Amino acid sequence: MSASVDPHATRAAVVAVSDWIVDPSGVDKPPRALLADAVRLSARSLAHDAPGRTVELRVPPFVAVQCIEGLTHTRGTPPNVVECDALTWLRLVTGQVGLAEAIAAGNAEVSGSRASEVGNWLPIISL
C-alpha cells in the first residue's frame, strides 16, 4: 500500500489520456510516459483504497499491485490475479467498461475465487 497516493495527480494523469480511453480507435495512442503514469497512479490508488495482499492486479508492462484484505500471499504465483492491458485497465478505472464485461470480452483475465472483488472498487475516476 502506498501512503503517498495523490488523488489529484491520479486524476490529472488519467484525464491526460482520456480521449484515447473513450475512443481508442479514433485517437492516437498516448506517449508511453503518459500512459505509464495513468496506469501506475490509478493502480496504486486501487491498492490504497482496497489495502491488502489477497489479489494481485497486473497491467504489464507498467505495474503490479496487491490489494484486497484477506489471506496474505507472499511467494510464488498468487492464487488471485487480475491481469489486463493498459487500455482495458484505464477503461475499468473510468467506468467505460465493467470487470465482468471485460472478462466476457476476453480483455481481462481473472483467476482465483477473490480476484473479481477488484470490480467492487471500480470505477476509481469518472470522466
C-alpha atoms as a PDB file:
ATOM      1  CA  MET A   1       0.000   0.000   0.000  1.00  0.00           C
ATOM      2  CA  SER A   2       1.303   3.433  -0.863  1.00  0.00           C
ATOM      3  CA  ALA A   3       0.939   6.109   1.765  1.00  0.00           C
ATOM      4  CA  SER A   4       1.542   8.852  -0.790  1.00  0.00           C
ATOM      5  CA  VAL A   5      -1.307   8.421  -3.260  1.00  0.00           C
ATOM      6  CA  ASP A   6      -2.315  11.824  -4.603  1.00  0.00           C
ATOM      7  CA  PRO A   7      -5.875  11.719  -5.993  1.00  0.00           C
ATOM      8  CA  HIS A   8      -5.352  14.980  -7.889  1.00  0.00           C
ATOM      9  CA  ALA A   9      -2.228  13.666  -9.643  1.00  0.00           C
ATOM     10  CA  THR A  10      -4.018  10.410 -10.423  1.00  0.00           C
ATOM     11  CA  ARG A  11      -6.990  12.214 -11.910  1.00  0.00           C
ATOM     12  CA  ALA A  12      -4.730  14.528 -13.939  1.00  0.00           C
ATOM     13  CA  ALA A  13      -2.772  11.557 -15.316  1.00  0.00           C
ATOM     14  CA  VAL A  14      -5.944   9.732 -16.355  1.00  0.00           C
ATOM     15  CA  VAL A  15      -7.556  12.846 -17.819  1.00  0.00           C
ATOM     16  CA  ALA A  16      -4.387  13.420 -19.872  1.00  0.00           C
ATOM     17  CA  VAL A  17      -5.143  10.197 -21.784  1.00  0.00           C
ATOM     18  CA  SER A  18      -8.937  10.306 -21.535  1.00  0.00           C
ATOM     19  CA  ASP A  19      -9.595  10.945 -25.230  1.00  0.00           C
ATOM     20  CA  TRP A  20      -7.845   7.639 -26.026  1.00  0.00           C
ATOM     21  CA  ILE A  21      -9.659   5.807 -23.220  1.00  0.00           C
ATOM     22  CA  VAL A  22     -13.029   6.888 -24.587  1.00  0.00           C
ATOM     23  CA  ASP A  23     -12.214   6.456 -28.291  1.00  0.00           C
ATOM     24  CA  PRO A  24      -9.155   4.216 -28.735  1.00  0.00           C
ATOM     25  CA  SER A  25      -9.752   3.612 -32.442  1.00  0.00           C
ATOM     26  CA  GLY A  26     -10.287   7.283 -33.246  1.00  0.00           C
ATOM     27  CA  VAL A  27      -7.434   8.820 -31.232  1.00  0.00           C
ATOM     28  CA  ASP A  28      -3.720   8.129 -31.409  1.00  0.00           C
ATOM     29  CA  LYS A  29      -2.307   6.058 -28.566  1.00  0.00           C
ATOM     30  CA  PRO A  30      -0.746   8.399 -25.978  1.00  0.00           C
ATOM     31  CA  PRO A  31       3.017   8.526 -25.488  1.00  0.00           C
ATOM     32  CA  ARG A  32       4.337   5.719 -23.300  1.00  0.00           C
ATOM     33  CA  ALA A  33       5.247   8.049 -20.416  1.00  0.00           C
ATOM     34  CA  LEU A  34       1.717   9.469 -20.184  1.00  0.00           C
ATOM     35  CA  LEU A  35       0.191   6.031 -20.427  1.00  0.00           C
ATOM     36  CA  ALA A  36       2.533   4.662 -17.768  1.00  0.00           C
ATOM     37  CA  ASP A  37       1.666   7.482 -15.361  1.00  0.00           C
ATOM     38  CA  ALA A  38      -2.072   6.955 -15.766  1.00  0.00           C
ATOM     39  CA  VAL A  39      -1.815   3.189 -15.312  1.00  0.00           C
ATOM     40  CA  ARG A  40       0.593   3.265 -12.371  1.00  0.00           C
ATOM     41  CA  LEU A  41      -1.136   6.020 -10.441  1.00  0.00           C
ATOM     42  CA  SER A  42      -4.592   4.516 -10.899  1.00  0.00           C
ATOM     43  CA  ALA A  43      -3.419   1.019  -9.903  1.00  0.00           C
ATOM     44  CA  ARG A  44      -1.715   2.422  -6.833  1.00  0.00           C
ATOM     45  CA  SER A  45      -4.929   4.270  -5.996  1.00  0.00           C
ATOM     46  CA  LEU A  46      -6.769   0.955  -6.068  1.00  0.00           C
ATOM     47  CA  ALA A  47      -4.163  -0.568  -3.744  1.00  0.00           C
ATOM     48  CA  HIS A  48      -4.548   2.424  -1.426  1.00  0.00           C
ATOM     49  CA  ASP A  49      -8.357   2.291  -1.426  1.00  0.00           C
ATOM     50  CA  ALA A  50      -8.523  -1.518  -1.074  1.00  0.00           C
ATOM     51  CA  PRO A  51      -5.450  -2.365   1.017  1.00  0.00           C
ATOM     52  CA  GLY A  52      -4.368  -5.935   1.419  1.00  0.00           C
ATOM     53  CA  ARG A  53      -2.428  -8.704  -0.281  1.00  0.00           C
ATOM     54  CA  THR A  54      -5.109 -11.149  -1.354  1.00  0.00           C
ATOM     55  CA  VAL A  55      -5.396 -10.130  -5.022  1.00  0.00           C
ATOM     56  CA  GLU A  56      -2.675  -9.099  -7.420  1.00  0.00           C
ATOM     57  CA  LEU A  57      -3.581  -6.660 -10.178  1.00  0.00           C
ATOM     58  CA  ARG A  58      -1.212  -6.806 -13.145  1.00  0.00           C
ATOM     59  CA  VAL A  59      -1.112  -4.326 -16.004  1.00  0.00           C
ATOM     60  CA  PRO A  60       2.021  -5.315 -17.908  1.00  0.00           C
ATOM     61  CA  PRO A  61       4.470  -3.824 -18.557  1.00  0.00           C
ATOM     62  CA  PHE A  62       3.583  -0.941 -16.276  1.00  0.00           C
ATOM     63  CA  VAL A  63       2.578  -2.132 -12.828  1.00  0.00           C
ATOM     64  CA  ALA A  64       1.583  -4.925 -10.481  1.00  0.00           C
ATOM     65  CA  VAL A  65      -0.010  -4.154  -7.121  1.00  0.00           C
ATOM     66  CA  GLN A  66      -1.540  -6.214  -4.371  1.00  0.00           C
ATOM     67  CA  CYS A  67      -4.884  -5.276  -2.876  1.00  0.00           C
ATOM     68  CA  ILE A  68      -7.985  -6.542  -1.044  1.00  0.00           C
ATOM     69  CA  GLU A  69      -7.899  -7.652   2.576  1.00  0.00           C
ATOM     70  CA  GLY A  70      -7.826 -11.323   3.437  1.00  0.00           C
ATOM     71  CA  LEU A  71      -5.317 -14.115   3.329  1.00  0.00           C
ATOM     72  CA  THR A  72      -1.867 -12.797   2.520  1.00  0.00           C
ATOM     73  CA  HIS A  73       0.093 -14.103  -0.406  1.00  0.00           C
ATOM     74  CA  THR A  74       3.885 -13.929  -0.015  1.00  0.00           C
ATOM     75  CA  ARG A  75       5.683 -16.185  -2.547  1.00  0.00           C
ATOM     76  CA  GLY A  76       5.211 -17.723  -5.958  1.00  0.00           C
ATOM     77  CA  THR A  77       2.241 -17.185  -8.208  1.00  0.00           C
ATOM     78  CA  PRO A  78      -0.611 -15.517  -6.333  1.00  0.00           C
ATOM     79  CA  PRO A  79      -3.857 -17.502  -6.194  1.00  0.00           C
ATOM     80  CA  ASN A  80      -5.980 -14.443  -7.051  1.00  0.00           C
ATOM     81  CA  VAL A  81      -4.904 -12.420 -10.084  1.00  0.00           C
ATOM     82  CA  VAL A  82      -6.488  -9.825 -12.351  1.00  0.00           C
ATOM     83  CA  GLU A  83      -4.466  -9.090 -15.479  1.00  0.00           C
ATOM     84  CA  CYS A  84      -5.261  -6.822 -18.389  1.00  0.00           C
ATOM     85  CA  ASP A  85      -3.670  -4.420 -20.828  1.00  0.00           C
ATOM     86  CA  ALA A  86      -3.370  -0.695 -20.225  1.00  0.00           C
ATOM     87  CA  LEU A  87      -6.410   0.292 -22.268  1.00  0.00           C
ATOM     88  CA  THR A  88      -8.665  -2.220 -20.548  1.00  0.00           C
ATOM     89  CA  TRP A  89      -7.405  -1.154 -17.127  1.00  0.00           C
ATOM     90  CA  LEU A  90      -7.994   2.532 -17.852  1.00  0.00           C
ATOM     91  CA  ARG A  91     -11.449   1.754 -19.230  1.00  0.00           C
ATOM     92  CA  LEU A  92     -12.171  -0.134 -15.982  1.00  0.00           C
ATOM     93  CA  VAL A  93     -10.767   2.725 -13.896  1.00  0.00           C
ATOM     94  CA  THR A  94     -13.035   5.249 -15.593  1.00  0.00           C
ATOM     95  CA  GLY A  95     -16.173   3.136 -15.730  1.00  0.00           C
ATOM     96  CA  GLN A  96     -16.173   2.828 -19.526  1.00  0.00           C
ATOM     97  CA  VAL A  97     -16.473  -0.931 -19.026  1.00  0.00           C
ATOM     98  CA  GLY A  98     -17.188  -3.182 -16.058  1.00  0.00           C
ATOM     99  CA  LEU A  99     -14.947  -6.021 -14.946  1.00  0.00           C
ATOM    100  CA  ALA A 100     -17.479  -8.715 -15.868  1.00  0.00           C
ATOM    101  CA  GLU A 101     -17.830  -7.201 -19.338  1.00  0.00           C
ATOM    102  CA  ALA A 102     -14.038  -7.016 -19.796  1.00  0.00           C
ATOM    103  CA  ILE A 103     -13.714 -10.663 -18.756  1.00  0.00           C
ATOM    104  CA  ALA A 104     -16.512 -11.755 -21.100  1.00  0.00           C
ATOM    105  CA  ALA A 105     -14.865  -9.898 -23.991  1.00  0.00           C
ATOM    106  CA  GLY A 106     -11.540 -11.591 -23.289  1.00  0.00           C
ATOM    107  CA  ASN A 107      -9.856  -8.312 -22.371  1.00  0.00           C
ATOM    108  CA  ALA A 108      -9.172  -9.206 -18.737  1.00  0.00           C
ATOM    109  CA  GLU A 109      -8.030 -12.465 -17.205  1.00  0.00           C
ATOM    110  CA  VAL A 110      -9.158 -13.297 -13.702  1.00  0.00           C
ATOM    111  CA  SER A 111      -8.065 -16.276 -11.666  1.00  0.00           C
ATOM    112  CA  GLY A 112      -8.885 -17.245  -8.120  1.00  0.00           C
ATOM    113  CA  SER A 113     -12.019 -17.066  -6.047  1.00  0.00           C
ATOM    114  CA  ARG A 114     -11.434 -13.499  -4.818  1.00  0.00           C
ATOM    115  CA  ALA A 115      -9.980 -11.796  -7.898  1.00  0.00           C
ATOM    116  CA  SER A 116     -13.305 -10.488  -9.172  1.00  0.00           C
ATOM    117  CA  GLU A 117     -13.644  -8.440  -5.959  1.00  0.00           C
ATOM    118  CA  VAL A 118     -11.477  -5.839  -7.682  1.00  0.00           C
ATOM    119  CA  GLY A 119     -14.634  -4.897  -9.566  1.00  0.00           C
ATOM    120  CA  ASN A 120     -16.183  -3.757  -6.275  1.00  0.00           C
ATOM    121  CA  TRP A 121     -13.612  -0.945  -6.131  1.00  0.00           C
ATOM    122  CA  LEU A 122     -14.142   0.286  -9.683  1.00  0.00           C
ATOM    123  CA  PRO A 123     -14.511   2.786 -11.203  1.00  0.00           C
ATOM    124  CA  ILE A 124     -11.923   4.982  -9.488  1.00  0.00           C
ATOM    125  CA  ILE A 125     -12.293   8.130 -11.618  1.00  0.00           C
ATOM    126  CA  SER A 126     -15.278   9.360 -13.582  1.00  0.00           C
ATOM    127  CA  LEU A 127     -14.673  11.202 -16.824  1.00  0.00           C
END
